[in-house]
Amino acid sequence: MANPNIVAVTAIYGNTSTNLISSTADPFATAIVNNTASSGKVYKINSIVVANVDGTAAADITIKIFSQDDLGGTGTAIVSTISVPADASLIVTDKTTSFYLLEDKSIGSTASVANDLVVTCSWEEINA
């Protein structure tokens, strides 16, 4: 089932992940969220925030939705090579621009500099 019907939801769980981005190039993206094949779940992505933890230099972030879980298949950019200034944050998406991540899909990111950017993602795991 690639797109579970969420009319008769059995449970909704809130989740947050925080990931230091160590990958600087595809296909070695750092996983942010992974919805496995046949999970029976839909993830409502509520927010993605990128923080630059380097005190002196900007770094670029790219975040993609992958057509398969575990960062497989083709990655399509949500944001691409956006500069995040030193000691600053970038709101990639929030509640007003939330979206759904279906089964067998994943979200990953790369950075122009390893270990300078932290991505925090908040989502609702909807069990159908």
C-alpha atoms as a PDB file:
ATOM      1  CA  MET A   1       0.000   0.000   0.000  1.00  0.00           C
ATOM      2  CA  ALA A   2       1.798   3.117  -1.219  1.00  0.00           C
ATOM      3  CA  ASN A   3      -0.672   5.722   0.026  1.00  0.00           C
ATOM      4  CA  PRO A   4      -2.607   4.600   3.120  1.00  0.00           C
ATOM      5  CA  ASN A   5      -6.122   5.962   3.610  1.00  0.00           C
ATOM      6  CA  ILE A   6      -5.968   8.289   6.624  1.00  0.00           C
ATOM      7  CA  VAL A   7      -9.725   8.689   7.102  1.00  0.00           C
ATOM      8  CA  ALA A   8      -9.822   5.963   9.771  1.00  0.00           C
ATOM      9  CA  VAL A   9      -6.630   6.819  11.644  1.00  0.00           C
ATOM     10  CA  THR A  10      -5.755   4.449  14.498  1.00  0.00           C
ATOM     11  CA  ALA A  11      -2.950   6.524  16.031  1.00  0.00           C
ATOM     12  CA  ILE A  12      -0.926   9.704  15.522  1.00  0.00           C
ATOM     13  CA  TYR A  13       2.541   9.973  17.076  1.00  0.00           C
ATOM     14  CA  GLY A  14       4.637  13.134  17.237  1.00  0.00           C
ATOM     15  CA  ASN A  15       8.303  12.792  16.280  1.00  0.00           C
ATOM     16  CA  THR A  16      11.372  15.009  16.109  1.00  0.00           C
ATOM     17  CA  SER A  17      14.815  14.154  14.811  1.00  0.00           C
ATOM     18  CA  THR A  18      18.004  16.200  14.917  1.00  0.00           C
ATOM     19  CA  ASN A  19      20.876  15.323  12.585  1.00  0.00           C
ATOM     20  CA  LEU A  20      24.360  16.757  12.148  1.00  0.00           C
ATOM     21  CA  ILE A  21      24.929  16.774   8.386  1.00  0.00           C
ATOM     22  CA  SER A  22      28.169  14.969   7.669  1.00  0.00           C
ATOM     23  CA  SER A  23      27.628  14.291   3.950  1.00  0.00           C
ATOM     24  CA  THR A  24      28.836  16.786   1.392  1.00  0.00           C
ATOM     25  CA  ALA A  25      27.688  15.031  -1.811  1.00  0.00           C
ATOM     26  CA  ASP A  26      25.030  12.736  -3.236  1.00  0.00           C
ATOM     27  CA  PRO A  27      24.525   9.816  -3.192  1.00  0.00           C
ATOM     28  CA  PHE A  28      25.850   9.845   0.377  1.00  0.00           C
ATOM     29  CA  ALA A  29      23.138  12.068   1.842  1.00  0.00           C
ATOM     30  CA  THR A  30      22.450  12.114   5.582  1.00  0.00           C
ATOM     31  CA  ALA A  31      19.012  10.617   6.307  1.00  0.00           C
ATOM     32  CA  ILE A  32      16.513  12.952   7.981  1.00  0.00           C
ATOM     33  CA  VAL A  33      13.260  10.930   7.827  1.00  0.00           C
ATOM     34  CA  ASN A  34      12.589   7.451   6.454  1.00  0.00           C
ATOM     35  CA  ASN A  35       9.127   5.954   5.815  1.00  0.00           C
ATOM     36  CA  THR A  36       9.704   2.310   4.947  1.00  0.00           C
ATOM     37  CA  ALA A  37       7.868   0.395   2.244  1.00  0.00           C
ATOM     38  CA  SER A  38       4.610  -1.226   3.429  1.00  0.00           C
ATOM     39  CA  SER A  39       4.743   0.667   6.736  1.00  0.00           C
ATOM     40  CA  GLY A  40       1.011   1.414   6.621  1.00  0.00           C
ATOM     41  CA  LYS A  41       1.896   4.965   7.694  1.00  0.00           C
ATOM     42  CA  VAL A  42       1.877   8.468   6.287  1.00  0.00           C
ATOM     43  CA  TYR A  43       4.209  11.086   7.770  1.00  0.00           C
ATOM     44  CA  LYS A  44       3.001  14.682   7.910  1.00  0.00           C
ATOM     45  CA  ILE A  45       6.175  16.764   7.847  1.00  0.00           C
ATOM     46  CA  ASN A  46       5.446  19.840   9.963  1.00  0.00           C
ATOM     47  CA  SER A  47       8.794  21.607  10.054  1.00  0.00           C
ATOM     48  CA  ILE A  48      12.368  21.382   8.867  1.00  0.00           C
ATOM     49  CA  VAL A  49      14.847  23.857  10.368  1.00  0.00           C
ATOM     50  CA  VAL A  50      18.550  24.077   9.507  1.00  0.00           C
ATOM     51  CA  ALA A  51      20.980  25.620  12.011  1.00  0.00           C
ATOM     52  CA  ASN A  52      24.555  26.592  11.192  1.00  0.00           C
ATOM     53  CA  VAL A  53      26.638  25.692  14.249  1.00  0.00           C
ATOM     54  CA  ASP A  54      29.863  27.106  12.796  1.00  0.00           C
ATOM     55  CA  GLY A  55      30.674  30.448  14.410  1.00  0.00           C
ATOM     56  CA  THR A  56      32.523  31.954  11.459  1.00  0.00           C
ATOM     57  CA  ALA A  57      31.517  30.541   8.064  1.00  0.00           C
ATOM     58  CA  ALA A  58      28.343  30.107   6.028  1.00  0.00           C
ATOM     59  CA  ALA A  59      27.460  26.693   4.608  1.00  0.00           C
ATOM     60  CA  ASP A  60      25.038  25.567   1.895  1.00  0.00           C
ATOM     61  CA  ILE A  61      22.225  23.055   2.500  1.00  0.00           C
ATOM     62  CA  THR A  62      20.411  20.833   0.016  1.00  0.00           C
ATOM     63  CA  ILE A  63      17.409  18.781   1.147  1.00  0.00           C
ATOM     64  CA  LYS A  64      15.733  16.213  -1.107  1.00  0.00           C
ATOM     65  CA  ILE A  65      12.762  13.875  -1.036  1.00  0.00           C
ATOM     66  CA  PHE A  66      13.865  10.469  -2.310  1.00  0.00           C
ATOM     67  CA  SER A  67      11.536   8.258  -4.355  1.00  0.00           C
ATOM     68  CA  GLN A  68      12.398   5.228  -2.186  1.00  0.00           C
ATOM     69  CA  ASP A  69      13.100   4.629   1.484  1.00  0.00           C
ATOM     70  CA  ASP A  70      16.685   4.560   2.772  1.00  0.00           C
ATOM     71  CA  LEU A  71      17.579   7.410   0.374  1.00  0.00           C
ATOM     72  CA  GLY A  72      17.059   5.154  -2.633  1.00  0.00           C
ATOM     73  CA  GLY A  73      15.802   6.057  -6.061  1.00  0.00           C
ATOM     74  CA  THR A  74      15.755   9.623  -7.309  1.00  0.00           C
ATOM     75  CA  GLY A  75      16.132  12.653  -5.066  1.00  0.00           C
ATOM     76  CA  THR A  76      14.049  15.746  -5.812  1.00  0.00           C
ATOM     77  CA  ALA A  77      15.154  18.973  -4.132  1.00  0.00           C
ATOM     78  CA  ILE A  78      12.998  20.793  -1.596  1.00  0.00           C
ATOM     79  CA  VAL A  79      15.812  23.343  -1.234  1.00  0.00           C
ATOM     80  CA  SER A  80      19.052  23.373  -3.190  1.00  0.00           C
ATOM     81  CA  THR A  81      22.379  24.937  -2.181  1.00  0.00           C
ATOM     82  CA  ILE A  82      20.833  27.601   0.039  1.00  0.00           C
ATOM     83  CA  SER A  83      23.413  29.457   2.106  1.00  0.00           C
ATOM     84  CA  VAL A  84      22.919  29.431   5.868  1.00  0.00           C
ATOM     85  CA  PRO A  85      25.025  32.180   7.505  1.00  0.00           C
ATOM     86  CA  ALA A  86      27.262  31.428  10.493  1.00  0.00           C
ATOM     87  CA  ASP A  87      25.312  31.103  13.762  1.00  0.00           C
ATOM     88  CA  ALA A  88      21.983  31.459  11.916  1.00  0.00           C
ATOM     89  CA  SER A  89      18.984  29.271  11.116  1.00  0.00           C
ATOM     90  CA  LEU A  90      16.900  28.635   8.013  1.00  0.00           C
ATOM     91  CA  ILE A  91      13.252  27.547   8.168  1.00  0.00           C
ATOM     92  CA  VAL A  92      12.834  25.237   5.191  1.00  0.00           C
ATOM     93  CA  THR A  93       9.211  24.335   5.924  1.00  0.00           C
ATOM     94  CA  ASP A  94       6.775  24.981   8.757  1.00  0.00           C
ATOM     95  CA  LYS A  95       3.133  24.233   9.612  1.00  0.00           C
ATOM     96  CA  THR A  96       1.925  26.571   6.848  1.00  0.00           C
ATOM     97  CA  THR A  97       3.873  24.615   4.209  1.00  0.00           C
ATOM     98  CA  SER A  98       3.672  21.097   5.663  1.00  0.00           C
ATOM     99  CA  PHE A  99       3.581  18.099   3.324  1.00  0.00           C
ATOM    100  CA  TYR A 100       3.067  14.327   3.427  1.00  0.00           C
ATOM    101  CA  LEU A 101       5.783  11.705   3.081  1.00  0.00           C
ATOM    102  CA  LEU A 102       4.232   8.494   1.768  1.00  0.00           C
ATOM    103  CA  GLU A 103       5.381   4.901   2.200  1.00  0.00           C
ATOM    104  CA  ASP A 104       8.685   3.941   0.594  1.00  0.00           C
ATOM    105  CA  LYS A 105       9.927   7.552   0.596  1.00  0.00           C
ATOM    106  CA  SER A 106      12.670   9.328   2.525  1.00  0.00           C
ATOM    107  CA  ILE A 107      14.183  12.761   3.106  1.00  0.00           C
ATOM    108  CA  GLY A 108      17.919  13.355   3.096  1.00  0.00           C
ATOM    109  CA  SER A 109      20.330  16.262   3.013  1.00  0.00           C
ATOM    110  CA  THR A 110      23.829  17.241   2.047  1.00  0.00           C
ATOM    111  CA  ALA A 111      25.901  20.248   3.057  1.00  0.00           C
ATOM    112  CA  SER A 112      28.722  22.156   1.419  1.00  0.00           C
ATOM    113  CA  VAL A 113      30.804  21.670   4.578  1.00  0.00           C
ATOM    114  CA  ALA A 114      30.620  18.577   6.769  1.00  0.00           C
ATOM    115  CA  ASN A 115      29.541  18.971  10.405  1.00  0.00           C
ATOM    116  CA  ASP A 116      28.560  22.674  10.176  1.00  0.00           C
ATOM    117  CA  LEU A 117      24.793  22.252   9.735  1.00  0.00           C
ATOM    118  CA  VAL A 118      22.192  20.609  11.974  1.00  0.00           C
ATOM    119  CA  VAL A 119      18.768  19.713  10.558  1.00  0.00           C
ATOM    120  CA  THR A 120      15.805  19.355  12.918  1.00  0.00           C
ATOM    121  CA  CYS A 121      12.643  17.812  11.525  1.00  0.00           C
ATOM    122  CA  SER A 122       9.260  17.523  13.250  1.00  0.00           C
ATOM    123  CA  TRP A 123       6.555  15.216  11.905  1.00  0.00           C
ATOM    124  CA  GLU A 124       3.392  13.320  12.740  1.00  0.00           C
ATOM    125  CA  GLU A 125       3.399   9.568  12.134  1.00  0.00           C
ATOM    126  CA  ILE A 126      -0.156   8.738  11.068  1.00  0.00           C
ATOM    127  CA  ASN A 127      -1.091   5.058  11.375  1.00  0.00           C
ATOM    128  CA  ALA A 128      -3.889   3.991   9.068  1.00  0.00           C
END
